[in-house]
Structure formats: C-alpha cells, structure tokens
Amino acid sequence: MTFLEAQEIVYKECDREKRITIRNLIIIALLVIVLLGVLYTYALPQIMAYFNNIHQEATSGIAKKYLKWVIPLVIFLTIFYPAKELYKVLKRKKDAEEVFAKIENGEKCTIIGEETRYLTTIPLYYIKLNLNPIHAISLYFSSAAKTYDLPIIESLSPQIKIILRGGNLEKSKAILNRIYGEDTKLDPNEAEVALPSLTAFETYSETAFTDELKALEGGRKKSKLFLYGSILVSVAFMVYMIVFADIKNNPKTIFIAMGAIFALSIVYYIYNMIKAKTQGNVAIGGDFSDIKNAILGRVVSFINPNFEYNRNSHIGYPEFMHSKLFIDKDYKLTGGDQVYGTHVGVPFQMCNLYVSYRPQLRNEKEADDSVFAGNYFVARFNKKFKSPIYIIPKKSFFANVKDNDISTYINDYGTKIRLEDPEFEKQFTVYCEDQVMVRYVLTPAMMERLKTVNTKSKGNLYIAINDQNIVLANNQTNQTAELDAPTAAMFTKMDQNLINPLFKDIVSNLEMVETLKLNINIWT
C-alpha cells in the first residue's frame, strides 16, 4: 500500500459515511413526520392537556424563574449534539485532506484511539441490531488544537497506521514476505548480531533518557496532583450540598451550584484549548502517558538499529488467522507496539495484541468476549510442515476461571498426541493429525526449550507451528501494554525501573528465537 492508496481509502470511507448518515436522517425525518401526523390525528386533545398542566406548574412558585431557562436549554442541547455530529460527518473529508497535507509536509501525528461505530442501530427489545459499521482512528498533531477522526477499512488498519505515522511500509512488507512467503534462506548479515545485556542498556539509558524521564515524571506528578485536587473539590462540594446548603428553604441554591459547575467547565475547556494551541498537545513532559513515543522507539533501536518499531500498529487479521491457532471467527483486532526485523537471520514480527469477538444476538449490555490479550510473536520456522501442530498449555480449574475467554476460541483440531516427556505432558496438550511429524518436530531438546519458554510465561504460552511459521502467543499483558492506560501510567514512577521492563519484554521475545534455535536447521 502506498501513501496515495491510503489516501484514496480514507476518502472513499468518508464519502460512504456521509451517504449513510444523510440516508438515515432522511428516514428518521420521514418517520417523525408520520409519527407527528398520527399523534395530531388521534391524540391532539390529550397532548394539549398534558402541556397545559406542565405550563401551569412551571409558571407558579420559585421554579418559574429558573425553569424558563432550563427548558429552552434542554431543547437546545437535545438538538445541538446531533447537529454537531452531522457537521463533523459533513466536513470529515476536508479534515482528512488536512491530515494528509500535514503528513506530506513532514509533520508527525499521534494516534490516540481506534474504534468501530455503527451508523445504523435498530433496537429490538433487549438486543440492538447494529448495521453499517465504520471503523475510525483518532489522531492529532502538536501544531493543531483539534482531534481528527479518519474512517478506514478495519482489515487495512495496521498498514494505514504505519503510513500515517511515517513508518517504513516497504520494510514491513519485505519482512512479512519472508515470514509467510516461500523464501526460507537465512540472512548471513544478521547471523552474528548479539542481544545487548541489561547492564549495557542501563549504561546507555542513564545518559540517553535522563532529561525525558525528568520531564515525563514532572508531567505525571502535575496530573496526579490535579486528580487529587479535583477529587477534593468534588467531595467538598458534596459535603456542602448535603450538610450546609438549605435546599428545602432556599431551592435556588441547587440552580446556582449547577450554574457554577457549568461555568467552571467552560473556563477549563477554553484554557485547555488555548494551552494546546500555544504549546502543542504533546510537548515532552506535558503528556506523561506519551512515554512510548518519547522513549520506546529508541529502546528498540538500541537493541538493533535495523529493527522497525511502530507505536500504533499490530499484526493484521490475515496473518493472525494464518496460524490457525484460533477457530475461524470475525474477530476484532486492536493493539500496538509492533516490532519487526530479523534476528540471527530469522525474520519475525511481534506486537501487543487484543482480540475480541461479539457473538450475534448478544444483549447490548453484555461485553464482547475477550479472546486474547498479550504479546503475539511470529517467526519463520526453518522447515515447512503440511499438518499444523497446536501446543496448548494445561490450566487448573481456578486458572481457567480467572482467565479470559481464550479456551472457547482455541483451535484444538486434530488428534491428541501423547509424548514420552512426563514434565512436558504436565505443561502442555499437543494436537496434530500426524503423530510421526509431531515426534519429528518435538525432539527432546525442542521440548526442553518450550518448557523453558512456558515457565517464563507463567503457563500462558500458546504455540502453533503451521506451514513454515511458529507462533508464540503469550496470553498475559506486559509492562509495555499496561502503559497504554493513562491511569496506570499516572501511578507509575517515570524512572529507570520503568524502562528496564520495557527492554526486557522485547529482549525476552528475541531470546525465544535463540532458545528454540530457529536459525538452525536441526532436521538436516
């Protein structure tokens, strides 16, 4: 995919969103006209009597002075929100053109969110029928005090985000071709590159990240102080209203308080707009949650300058389903922190991945099934196999209860294979249609290495060997993923003790390549 192709996809999705939104408004307008006609014909006297009663109550007593403002305000807000959303849709394409112009001029964007919205929702009692999905990513530039929402095709999200962030899409394609294509030759130029030690990394980071960490820690402390201050003000307000305010004898107190809160909210909103316009949204140290953009990319470069890091990208749906580790469903994939390259000649890609699935006709109040949440690592195996092998960790009853829904969606197709290693049998269940091939692949040395990796993963390692790839799916979140939540980052001190786990998370994945000896054809 090229920059122009990504641009064309976004523009087409903008036009599609606009067409569907206008169509829905026309349908709603027609339905409202029909409803008003029916009410006018059959229920006009009852409606007039109801509103006369409301008018009489509103024009008597202390409420008269305030309700004459509240009712118009409620009507205004009821109309304002849908009108505002319609305005956004109508100018979406113009915003998209502005985004691509900024990127062409060399500006860097920050992607802050990704979601699927449904443009058409039909309520059916406890169930909502959601139609016309539109997938969008939210981003902003430090030079603009606004957030942009770009509609895209969900399956192309990883590639489009790489392009928007200015990543090397051609290098990504080359690595993917080596992982999933027919090229199985090792890269001799990468064969002797060693992973740096933690000591070497600490020495490097002491000089490389000192200023950034101090600035980020300062931003974190300010945000934490603001949070505590907001809680204190809220509690004080509640205590005042409950204990000291005489609402019964002086009911206008509640309206004064509501007005004060509304005014303070507007002032705070304007202040943030001015600050973002003059200082930029993500000045280093202003946004403590931006530690990944500030530091993690440089950590990856320190490990190997030939590696590519994409903050907001992740493995795509076709690559996810290629392993056949999960049963065939229309999963929703989100994630980030994608790293790809070659280590000791072995092409790989890894990312933090979140996979969910929503069964059809589910109650709208019920959450989606959490299929997988953790680190997803794919590397090229050094031999091609005809029948897939699934190696599933054994879990106790209580471990399954605490786990997510992964056991429901794991593919256990094939015959259960019994192996001669009792310790391996305690940790894993192996499925495959070809018993001879399983024993050919899972040599005693290979089983020892898999046990070592599974122990490090605390028994959450799911493995699939399919075609010429090996997938190591660690179904537990790591330090890198936890920093995606601003609340978690707010209560995490920004110092060397935070960066070390980020380094270890990446290196531990690459050590799997060496532990499993993927760079050596052990079957020749």
Protein backbone atom coordinates (compact mmCIF):
# COMPACT_ATOMS: atom_id res chain seq x y z
CA MET A 1 0.00 0.00 0.00
CA THR A 2 1.27 3.46 -0.92
CA PHE A 3 0.54 6.88 0.60
CA LEU A 4 -1.85 7.67 -2.26
CA GLU A 5 -3.67 4.36 -1.87
CA ALA A 6 -4.18 5.01 1.86
CA GLN A 7 -5.43 8.48 0.99
CA GLU A 8 -7.94 7.10 -1.50
CA ILE A 9 -9.23 4.52 1.01
CA VAL A 10 -9.85 7.21 3.66
CA TYR A 11 -11.62 9.50 1.17
CA LYS A 12 -13.91 6.67 0.00
CA GLU A 13 -14.81 5.80 3.58
CA CYS A 14 -15.56 9.49 4.26
CA ASP A 15 -17.97 9.51 1.30
CA ARG A 16 -19.59 6.26 2.45
CA GLU A 17 -20.11 7.61 5.98
CA LYS A 18 -21.64 10.77 4.56
CA ARG A 19 -24.05 8.87 2.26
CA ILE A 20 -25.28 6.56 5.02
CA THR A 21 -25.67 9.40 7.54
CA ILE A 22 -27.75 11.51 5.14
CA ARG A 23 -29.86 8.48 4.21
CA ASN A 24 -30.53 7.76 7.89
CA LEU A 25 -31.51 11.37 8.57
CA ILE A 26 -34.00 11.30 5.72
CA ILE A 27 -35.52 8.07 7.04
CA ILE A 28 -35.72 9.49 10.58
CA ALA A 29 -37.30 12.72 9.30
CA LEU A 30 -39.95 10.74 7.42
CA LEU A 31 -40.68 8.60 10.48
CA VAL A 32 -41.01 11.73 12.65
CA ILE A 33 -43.41 13.30 10.16
CA VAL A 34 -45.51 10.13 10.13
CA LEU A 35 -45.49 9.95 13.95
CA LEU A 36 -46.50 13.61 14.30
CA GLY A 37 -49.31 13.06 11.81
CA VAL A 38 -50.62 10.09 13.79
CA LEU A 39 -50.42 11.99 17.10
CA TYR A 40 -52.14 15.03 15.58
CA THR A 41 -54.94 12.87 14.23
CA TYR A 42 -55.59 10.64 17.21
CA ALA A 43 -54.08 12.21 20.37
CA LEU A 44 -54.10 16.01 19.98
CA PRO A 45 -56.51 16.79 22.90
CA GLN A 46 -54.57 14.62 25.36
CA ILE A 47 -51.24 16.18 24.32
CA MET A 48 -52.61 19.74 24.69
CA ALA A 49 -53.97 18.95 28.17
CA TYR A 50 -50.61 17.47 29.24
CA PHE A 51 -48.61 20.51 28.15
CA ASN A 52 -51.13 22.90 29.76
CA ASN A 53 -50.59 21.16 33.08
CA ILE A 54 -46.79 21.47 32.70
CA HIS A 55 -47.15 25.16 31.85
CA GLN A 56 -49.26 25.85 34.92
CA GLU A 57 -46.74 24.13 37.20
CA ALA A 58 -43.81 25.92 35.57
CA THR A 59 -45.38 29.38 35.97
CA SER A 60 -46.10 29.05 39.67
CA GLY A 61 -43.75 29.37 42.65
CA ILE A 62 -39.95 29.73 42.78
CA ALA A 63 -39.41 27.34 39.85
CA LYS A 64 -40.84 29.87 37.37
CA LYS A 65 -37.69 31.99 37.34
CA TYR A 66 -35.37 29.09 36.61
CA LEU A 67 -37.46 26.68 34.52
CA LYS A 68 -37.97 29.28 31.81
CA TRP A 69 -34.20 28.98 31.21
CA VAL A 70 -33.81 25.26 31.87
CA ILE A 71 -36.44 24.05 29.38
CA PRO A 72 -35.02 26.01 26.39
CA LEU A 73 -31.51 24.88 27.42
CA VAL A 74 -32.59 21.22 27.42
CA ILE A 75 -34.22 21.63 23.99
CA PHE A 76 -31.10 23.38 22.67
CA LEU A 77 -28.76 20.63 23.94
CA THR A 78 -31.05 17.94 22.51
CA ILE A 79 -30.72 19.49 19.06
CA PHE A 80 -27.11 20.64 19.42
CA TYR A 81 -25.42 17.24 19.82
CA PRO A 82 -26.87 15.54 16.71
CA ALA A 83 -26.32 18.73 14.73
CA LYS A 84 -22.70 18.83 15.87
CA GLU A 85 -22.17 15.17 14.89
CA LEU A 86 -23.73 15.80 11.47
CA TYR A 87 -21.42 18.78 10.96
CA LYS A 88 -18.41 16.56 11.77
CA VAL A 89 -19.51 13.96 9.22
CA LEU A 90 -20.06 16.57 6.50
CA LYS A 91 -16.57 18.04 7.00
CA ARG A 92 -14.83 14.69 7.58
CA LYS A 93 -13.31 14.59 4.10
CA LYS A 94 -11.98 18.12 4.48
CA ASP A 95 -10.34 17.11 7.77
CA ALA A 96 -8.84 14.05 6.07
CA GLU A 97 -7.37 16.25 3.33
CA GLU A 98 -5.87 18.44 6.06
CA VAL A 99 -4.33 15.40 7.77
CA PHE A 100 -2.67 14.10 4.62
CA ALA A 101 -1.42 17.59 3.74
CA LYS A 102 0.25 17.87 7.15
CA ILE A 103 1.86 14.43 6.78
CA GLU A 104 3.15 15.34 3.30
CA ASN A 105 4.69 18.46 4.84
CA GLY A 106 6.63 16.28 7.28
CA GLU A 107 4.50 16.69 10.42
CA LYS A 108 4.23 13.73 12.80
CA CYS A 109 0.84 12.66 14.10
CA THR A 110 -0.02 10.83 17.31
CA ILE A 111 -2.71 8.14 17.09
CA ILE A 112 -4.76 8.15 20.28
CA GLY A 113 -7.64 5.79 19.59
CA GLU A 114 -9.38 3.35 17.30
CA GLU A 115 -12.97 2.20 17.34
CA THR A 116 -15.80 0.74 15.28
CA ARG A 117 -19.03 2.74 15.23
CA TYR A 118 -22.35 1.65 13.77
CA LEU A 119 -24.12 4.28 11.71
CA THR A 120 -27.45 2.43 11.84
CA THR A 121 -28.86 0.96 15.06
CA ILE A 122 -32.27 -0.73 15.24
CA PRO A 123 -33.44 -1.51 18.80
CA LEU A 124 -35.12 -4.91 19.19
CA TYR A 125 -36.18 -5.10 22.84
CA TYR A 126 -33.06 -6.32 24.75
CA ILE A 127 -31.00 -6.56 21.58
CA LYS A 128 -29.78 -3.87 19.23
CA LEU A 129 -29.28 -4.65 15.56
CA ASN A 130 -26.14 -2.75 14.55
CA LEU A 131 -25.65 -2.11 10.83
CA ASN A 132 -23.31 -0.13 8.59
CA PRO A 133 -20.10 -0.27 10.67
CA ILE A 134 -17.50 2.40 10.18
CA HIS A 135 -14.00 1.89 11.58
CA ALA A 136 -12.14 5.05 12.53
CA ILE A 137 -8.85 6.07 14.07
CA SER A 138 -8.37 9.25 16.10
CA LEU A 139 -5.17 11.29 15.85
CA TYR A 140 -3.79 14.74 16.41
CA PHE A 141 -0.80 16.91 15.57
CA SER A 142 1.15 19.01 18.06
CA SER A 143 0.61 22.02 15.80
CA ALA A 144 -3.19 21.85 15.87
CA ALA A 145 -5.58 22.08 18.82
CA LYS A 146 -8.02 19.53 17.45
CA THR A 147 -8.52 15.81 17.10
CA TYR A 148 -9.07 14.22 13.70
CA ASP A 149 -11.20 11.11 13.12
CA LEU A 150 -10.36 9.21 9.93
CA PRO A 151 -12.67 6.42 8.72
CA ILE A 152 -10.72 3.47 7.31
CA ILE A 153 -11.19 -0.17 6.35
CA GLU A 154 -10.63 -2.19 9.52
CA SER A 155 -8.67 -5.01 7.87
CA LEU A 156 -6.20 -2.45 6.49
CA SER A 157 -5.75 -0.65 9.81
CA PRO A 158 -2.17 -1.85 10.52
CA GLN A 159 -0.84 -0.73 7.12
CA ILE A 160 -2.66 2.61 7.17
CA LYS A 161 -1.40 3.43 10.66
CA ILE A 162 2.17 2.71 9.57
CA ILE A 163 1.75 5.15 6.68
CA LEU A 164 0.15 7.83 8.87
CA ARG A 165 2.97 7.55 11.39
CA GLY A 166 5.61 7.76 8.68
CA GLY A 167 6.79 4.18 9.15
CA ASN A 168 8.65 2.05 6.64
CA LEU A 169 5.84 0.09 5.00
CA GLU A 170 8.15 -1.39 2.35
CA LYS A 171 10.37 -2.89 5.04
CA SER A 172 7.29 -4.28 6.77
CA LYS A 173 6.15 -5.91 3.53
CA ALA A 174 9.61 -7.39 2.96
CA ILE A 175 9.64 -8.95 6.45
CA LEU A 176 6.11 -10.30 6.05
CA ASN A 177 7.06 -11.82 2.72
CA ARG A 178 10.00 -13.58 4.36
CA ILE A 179 7.81 -14.83 7.22
CA TYR A 180 4.86 -16.01 5.12
CA GLY A 181 6.38 -16.34 1.64
CA GLU A 182 8.48 -19.08 0.10
CA ASP A 183 11.88 -17.53 0.82
CA THR A 184 13.42 -19.64 3.61
CA LYS A 185 17.06 -18.63 3.35
CA LEU A 186 18.80 -17.14 6.38
CA ASP A 187 20.30 -13.68 6.20
CA PRO A 188 24.07 -14.12 6.74
CA ASN A 189 24.49 -10.43 7.56
CA GLU A 190 22.30 -10.83 10.67
CA ALA A 191 23.58 -14.22 11.82
CA GLU A 192 26.11 -12.95 14.40
CA VAL A 193 24.25 -9.99 15.91
CA ALA A 194 24.06 -10.47 19.69
CA LEU A 195 21.40 -9.09 22.02
CA PRO A 196 22.70 -6.35 24.36
CA SER A 197 22.79 -7.08 28.08
CA LEU A 198 20.67 -5.30 30.66
CA THR A 199 23.84 -3.75 32.11
CA ALA A 200 24.77 -2.27 28.73
CA PHE A 201 21.26 -0.90 28.34
CA GLU A 202 21.29 0.72 31.78
CA THR A 203 24.59 2.42 30.98
CA TYR A 204 23.14 3.74 27.71
CA SER A 205 19.83 4.90 29.20
CA GLU A 206 21.48 6.85 32.05
CA THR A 207 22.68 9.39 29.52
CA ALA A 208 20.11 8.95 26.73
CA PHE A 209 16.84 9.25 28.70
CA THR A 210 17.65 11.36 31.77
CA ASP A 211 16.07 14.62 30.50
CA GLU A 212 12.98 12.90 29.05
CA LEU A 213 12.36 10.92 32.24
CA LYS A 214 12.61 14.03 34.41
CA ALA A 215 10.18 15.91 32.17
CA LEU A 216 7.75 12.97 31.99
CA GLU A 217 7.90 12.48 35.75
CA GLY A 218 7.16 16.18 36.25
CA GLY A 219 4.12 15.91 33.97
CA ARG A 220 2.97 12.79 35.82
CA LYS A 221 3.18 14.50 39.22
CA LYS A 222 1.23 17.53 37.97
CA SER A 223 -1.51 15.30 36.54
CA LYS A 224 -1.67 13.27 39.74
CA LEU A 225 -1.90 16.48 41.81
CA PHE A 226 -4.69 17.77 39.58
CA LEU A 227 -6.58 14.47 40.00
CA TYR A 228 -6.35 14.63 43.78
CA GLY A 229 -7.38 18.30 43.73
CA SER A 230 -10.42 17.51 41.58
CA ILE A 231 -11.47 14.73 43.96
CA LEU A 232 -11.05 17.06 46.94
CA VAL A 233 -13.17 19.81 45.33
CA SER A 234 -15.87 17.29 44.38
CA VAL A 235 -16.02 15.86 47.90
CA ALA A 236 -16.12 19.36 49.41
CA PHE A 237 -18.98 20.32 47.09
CA MET A 238 -20.97 17.20 48.03
CA VAL A 239 -20.41 17.82 51.76
CA TYR A 240 -21.55 21.44 51.36
CA MET A 241 -24.71 20.46 49.47
CA ILE A 242 -25.60 17.72 51.97
CA VAL A 243 -24.66 19.37 55.27
CA PHE A 244 -24.72 23.15 54.86
CA ALA A 245 -26.97 24.03 51.92
CA ASP A 246 -30.59 24.64 52.95
CA ILE A 247 -32.16 23.41 49.71
CA LYS A 248 -35.60 22.96 51.23
CA ASN A 249 -36.00 26.62 52.27
CA ASN A 250 -33.76 28.05 49.56
CA PRO A 251 -34.21 25.88 46.41
CA LYS A 252 -32.38 28.33 44.18
CA THR A 253 -29.12 27.09 45.78
CA ILE A 254 -29.14 24.00 43.57
CA PHE A 255 -29.52 26.10 40.41
CA ILE A 256 -26.68 28.42 41.47
CA ALA A 257 -24.43 25.43 42.12
CA MET A 258 -25.28 23.87 38.76
CA GLY A 259 -24.53 27.17 37.03
CA ALA A 260 -21.19 27.49 38.81
CA ILE A 261 -20.14 23.97 37.76
CA PHE A 262 -21.18 24.66 34.17
CA ALA A 263 -19.23 27.94 34.09
CA LEU A 264 -16.10 26.34 35.56
CA SER A 265 -16.30 23.55 32.97
CA ILE A 266 -16.40 26.08 30.12
CA VAL A 267 -13.46 28.03 31.57
CA TYR A 268 -11.40 24.84 31.95
CA TYR A 269 -12.24 23.76 28.36
CA ILE A 270 -11.19 27.15 26.93
CA TYR A 271 -7.98 27.07 28.99
CA ASN A 272 -7.05 23.65 27.56
CA MET A 273 -7.78 24.83 24.02
CA ILE A 274 -5.52 27.87 24.41
CA LYS A 275 -2.77 25.77 26.03
CA ALA A 276 -2.91 23.15 23.28
CA LYS A 277 -2.82 25.86 20.60
CA THR A 278 0.15 27.70 22.05
CA GLN A 279 2.23 24.80 23.43
CA GLY A 280 1.19 21.82 21.32
CA ASN A 281 -0.66 18.78 22.54
CA VAL A 282 2.31 16.57 23.26
CA ALA A 283 5.27 18.63 24.31
CA ILE A 284 7.68 16.24 26.02
CA GLY A 285 6.99 16.39 29.72
CA GLY A 286 3.49 17.77 29.25
CA ASP A 287 1.95 14.38 28.50
CA PHE A 288 3.43 11.73 30.79
CA SER A 289 1.42 9.00 29.04
CA ASP A 290 3.43 9.63 25.85
CA ILE A 291 6.43 7.71 27.19
CA LYS A 292 6.27 5.21 24.33
CA ASN A 293 6.64 7.87 21.64
CA ALA A 294 9.37 9.56 23.65
CA ILE A 295 11.45 6.53 24.61
CA LEU A 296 10.33 3.08 23.43
CA GLY A 297 11.30 3.57 19.79
CA ARG A 298 14.84 4.44 20.87
CA VAL A 299 14.94 1.37 23.11
CA VAL A 300 14.18 -0.79 20.06
CA SER A 301 16.88 0.98 18.06
CA PHE A 302 19.40 0.35 20.83
CA ILE A 303 18.63 -3.39 20.73
CA ASN A 304 19.13 -3.41 16.97
CA PRO A 305 19.13 -0.29 14.76
CA ASN A 306 17.77 -2.37 11.88
CA PHE A 307 14.57 -3.19 13.75
CA GLU A 308 11.44 -1.20 12.95
CA TYR A 309 9.08 -0.01 15.70
CA ASN A 310 5.50 1.15 15.08
CA ARG A 311 3.76 2.54 18.14
CA ASN A 312 0.16 2.07 16.94
CA SER A 313 0.40 -0.83 14.50
CA HIS A 314 -0.13 -4.53 15.08
CA ILE A 315 -0.41 -7.82 13.24
CA GLY A 316 -3.19 -7.90 10.64
CA TYR A 317 -6.21 -10.19 10.54
CA PRO A 318 -4.90 -12.40 7.66
CA GLU A 319 -1.61 -13.00 9.50
CA PHE A 320 -3.47 -13.67 12.75
CA MET A 321 -5.65 -16.32 11.13
CA HIS A 322 -2.73 -17.84 9.19
CA SER A 323 -1.53 -19.70 12.28
CA LYS A 324 -4.92 -21.46 12.66
CA LEU A 325 -4.33 -21.26 16.41
CA PHE A 326 -7.84 -19.81 16.82
CA ILE A 327 -11.09 -21.04 15.29
CA ASP A 328 -12.38 -19.10 12.30
CA LYS A 329 -14.38 -16.08 13.51
CA ASP A 330 -14.79 -12.44 12.56
CA TYR A 331 -12.50 -11.20 15.33
CA LYS A 332 -11.78 -7.60 16.17
CA LEU A 333 -8.05 -6.89 16.49
CA THR A 334 -6.51 -3.91 18.25
CA GLY A 335 -3.07 -3.36 19.71
CA GLY A 336 0.24 -1.69 19.11
CA ASP A 337 3.98 -1.68 19.80
CA GLN A 338 4.78 -3.67 16.68
CA VAL A 339 8.43 -4.59 16.25
CA TYR A 340 9.72 -6.43 13.19
CA GLY A 341 13.01 -7.28 11.59
CA THR A 342 15.45 -10.18 11.51
CA HIS A 343 17.37 -11.60 14.46
CA VAL A 344 20.25 -14.04 13.89
CA GLY A 345 18.90 -14.27 10.34
CA VAL A 346 15.32 -15.17 11.36
CA PRO A 347 12.53 -12.82 10.20
CA PHE A 348 9.98 -12.05 12.92
CA GLN A 349 7.27 -9.70 13.99
CA MET A 350 5.75 -9.16 17.43
CA CYS A 351 3.20 -6.84 18.99
CA ASN A 352 0.86 -6.38 21.90
CA LEU A 353 -2.44 -7.70 20.63
CA TYR A 354 -6.02 -7.58 21.92
CA VAL A 355 -8.52 -9.86 20.23
CA SER A 356 -12.24 -9.75 20.94
CA TYR A 357 -15.35 -11.27 19.44
CA ARG A 358 -19.01 -10.36 19.79
CA PRO A 359 -21.45 -13.22 19.17
CA GLN A 360 -24.56 -12.36 17.18
CA LEU A 361 -27.78 -11.52 19.03
CA ARG A 362 -25.99 -10.78 22.30
CA ASN A 363 -27.61 -8.50 24.87
CA GLU A 364 -26.27 -4.99 24.31
CA LYS A 365 -25.33 -4.67 28.00
CA GLU A 366 -23.02 -7.67 27.79
CA ALA A 367 -19.38 -7.09 26.90
CA ASP A 368 -17.56 -8.69 23.97
CA ASP A 369 -15.68 -11.92 24.60
CA SER A 370 -12.00 -11.29 25.36
CA VAL A 371 -10.30 -13.90 23.15
CA PHE A 372 -6.66 -12.93 23.63
CA ALA A 373 -4.71 -10.20 25.40
CA GLY A 374 -0.95 -10.29 25.42
CA ASN A 375 2.17 -10.48 23.31
CA TYR A 376 1.90 -12.15 19.91
CA PHE A 377 5.18 -13.29 18.35
CA VAL A 378 5.60 -14.82 14.88
CA ALA A 379 8.84 -16.09 13.35
CA ARG A 380 9.77 -18.15 10.35
CA PHE A 381 10.39 -21.80 11.13
CA ASN A 382 13.26 -23.43 9.28
CA LYS A 383 11.17 -26.24 7.80
CA LYS A 384 7.79 -26.39 6.10
CA PHE A 385 5.13 -28.71 7.57
CA LYS A 386 1.96 -29.98 5.94
CA SER A 387 -0.10 -30.55 9.07
CA PRO A 388 -0.43 -27.85 11.79
CA ILE A 389 0.66 -28.59 15.34
CA TYR A 390 -1.10 -26.94 18.28
CA ILE A 391 0.61 -26.90 21.67
CA ILE A 392 -1.84 -25.73 24.33
CA PRO A 393 -0.89 -25.08 27.99
CA LYS A 394 -2.75 -27.07 30.61
CA LYS A 395 -4.65 -24.98 33.14
CA SER A 396 -6.16 -25.79 36.50
CA PHE A 397 -9.87 -25.18 37.11
CA PHE A 398 -9.20 -21.98 39.07
CA ALA A 399 -6.74 -20.75 36.43
CA ASN A 400 -9.42 -21.18 33.75
CA VAL A 401 -11.94 -19.28 35.88
CA LYS A 402 -9.55 -16.30 36.21
CA ASP A 403 -8.56 -16.49 32.53
CA ASN A 404 -10.23 -14.67 29.65
CA ASP A 405 -12.31 -16.47 27.00
CA ILE A 406 -9.34 -17.91 25.12
CA SER A 407 -10.24 -21.55 25.86
CA THR A 408 -13.53 -21.12 23.95
CA TYR A 409 -11.80 -19.98 20.77
CA ILE A 410 -8.58 -22.02 20.73
CA ASN A 411 -8.39 -24.46 17.84
CA ASP A 412 -7.83 -27.96 19.20
CA TYR A 413 -8.43 -29.66 15.88
CA GLY A 414 -6.58 -32.92 15.45
CA THR A 415 -5.63 -35.98 17.47
CA LYS A 416 -4.32 -35.56 20.99
CA ILE A 417 -0.72 -36.74 20.98
CA ARG A 418 0.91 -38.44 23.96
CA LEU A 419 4.65 -37.83 24.27
CA GLU A 420 7.36 -39.52 26.30
CA ASP A 421 8.32 -36.48 28.40
CA PRO A 422 6.20 -36.51 31.63
CA GLU A 423 7.06 -32.92 32.54
CA PHE A 424 6.11 -31.72 29.06
CA GLU A 425 2.83 -33.65 29.36
CA LYS A 426 2.08 -31.82 32.63
CA GLN A 427 2.54 -28.45 30.98
CA PHE A 428 1.05 -28.96 27.51
CA THR A 429 -1.53 -30.77 25.42
CA VAL A 430 -0.45 -31.38 21.81
CA TYR A 431 -2.85 -31.75 18.87
CA CYS A 432 -1.93 -32.85 15.36
CA GLU A 433 -3.13 -35.23 12.64
CA ASP A 434 0.34 -36.62 12.02
CA GLN A 435 1.91 -38.33 15.05
CA VAL A 436 5.11 -39.12 13.18
CA MET A 437 5.62 -35.47 12.25
CA VAL A 438 4.97 -34.32 15.84
CA ARG A 439 7.75 -36.54 17.14
CA TYR A 440 9.91 -35.37 14.26
CA VAL A 441 9.41 -31.74 15.34
CA LEU A 442 9.17 -32.09 19.13
CA THR A 443 12.53 -33.61 19.80
CA PRO A 444 13.65 -33.92 23.45
CA ALA A 445 15.77 -30.81 23.01
CA MET A 446 12.85 -28.86 21.49
CA MET A 447 10.53 -29.88 24.33
CA GLU A 448 13.08 -28.70 26.88
CA ARG A 449 13.25 -25.33 25.17
CA LEU A 450 9.44 -24.98 25.05
CA LYS A 451 9.20 -25.83 28.75
CA THR A 452 11.73 -23.09 29.48
CA VAL A 453 9.77 -20.52 27.49
CA ASN A 454 6.45 -21.59 29.05
CA THR A 455 7.88 -21.28 32.56
CA LYS A 456 8.94 -17.71 31.80
CA SER A 457 5.39 -17.06 30.53
CA LYS A 458 3.83 -18.44 33.75
CA GLY A 459 1.97 -21.18 31.89
CA ASN A 460 0.19 -18.84 29.47
CA LEU A 461 2.08 -19.75 26.29
CA TYR A 462 0.04 -20.98 23.30
CA ILE A 463 2.07 -22.33 20.38
CA ALA A 464 1.17 -23.09 16.77
CA ILE A 465 3.52 -24.50 14.14
CA ASN A 466 1.89 -24.19 10.75
CA ASP A 467 3.27 -24.16 7.25
CA GLN A 468 6.74 -22.67 7.87
CA ASN A 469 5.88 -20.38 10.79
CA ILE A 470 5.88 -20.67 14.55
CA VAL A 471 3.54 -18.54 16.67
CA LEU A 472 4.18 -17.93 20.37
CA ALA A 473 1.10 -16.27 21.88
CA ASN A 474 1.63 -15.20 25.49
CA ASN A 475 -1.83 -14.64 26.95
CA GLN A 476 -0.86 -12.13 29.63
CA THR A 477 -0.23 -8.40 29.49
CA ASN A 478 3.26 -6.99 29.97
CA GLN A 479 4.71 -3.71 31.20
CA THR A 480 4.62 -2.23 27.70
CA ALA A 481 0.89 -2.90 27.30
CA GLU A 482 0.00 -1.63 30.77
CA LEU A 483 1.36 1.83 29.92
CA ASP A 484 -1.40 2.22 27.31
CA ALA A 485 -3.80 3.16 30.12
CA PRO A 486 -3.20 6.78 31.23
CA THR A 487 -4.48 5.96 34.73
CA ALA A 488 -1.91 3.16 35.07
CA ALA A 489 0.86 5.44 33.80
CA MET A 490 -0.22 8.15 36.24
CA PHE A 491 0.62 5.92 39.20
CA THR A 492 3.85 4.55 37.73
CA LYS A 493 7.03 6.44 38.51
CA MET A 494 8.91 7.51 35.39
CA ASP A 495 12.45 6.33 36.08
CA GLN A 496 14.97 3.69 35.10
CA ASN A 497 12.97 0.98 36.91
CA LEU A 498 10.16 1.60 34.43
CA ILE A 499 12.34 1.43 31.32
CA ASN A 500 14.14 -1.79 32.26
CA PRO A 501 10.98 -3.96 31.95
CA LEU A 502 10.30 -2.40 28.53
CA PHE A 503 13.76 -3.52 27.42
CA LYS A 504 13.30 -6.98 28.97
CA ASP A 505 9.89 -7.52 27.29
CA ILE A 506 11.40 -7.07 23.82
CA VAL A 507 14.61 -8.98 24.51
CA SER A 508 12.75 -11.94 26.06
CA ASN A 509 10.83 -12.40 22.80
CA LEU A 510 14.00 -12.33 20.76
CA GLU A 511 15.63 -14.80 23.14
CA MET A 512 12.92 -17.26 22.08
CA VAL A 513 14.50 -17.32 18.62
CA GLU A 514 17.78 -18.38 20.18
CA THR A 515 16.20 -20.67 22.79
CA LEU A 516 14.23 -22.53 20.12
CA LYS A 517 17.20 -22.37 17.73
CA LEU A 518 15.02 -21.19 14.85
CA ASN A 519 18.10 -20.09 12.93
CA ILE A 520 19.46 -23.65 12.76
CA ASN A 521 18.00 -26.37 10.57
CA ILE A 522 18.12 -29.07 13.22
CA TRP A 523 16.47 -31.67 10.95
CA THR A 524 19.18 -31.90 8.30
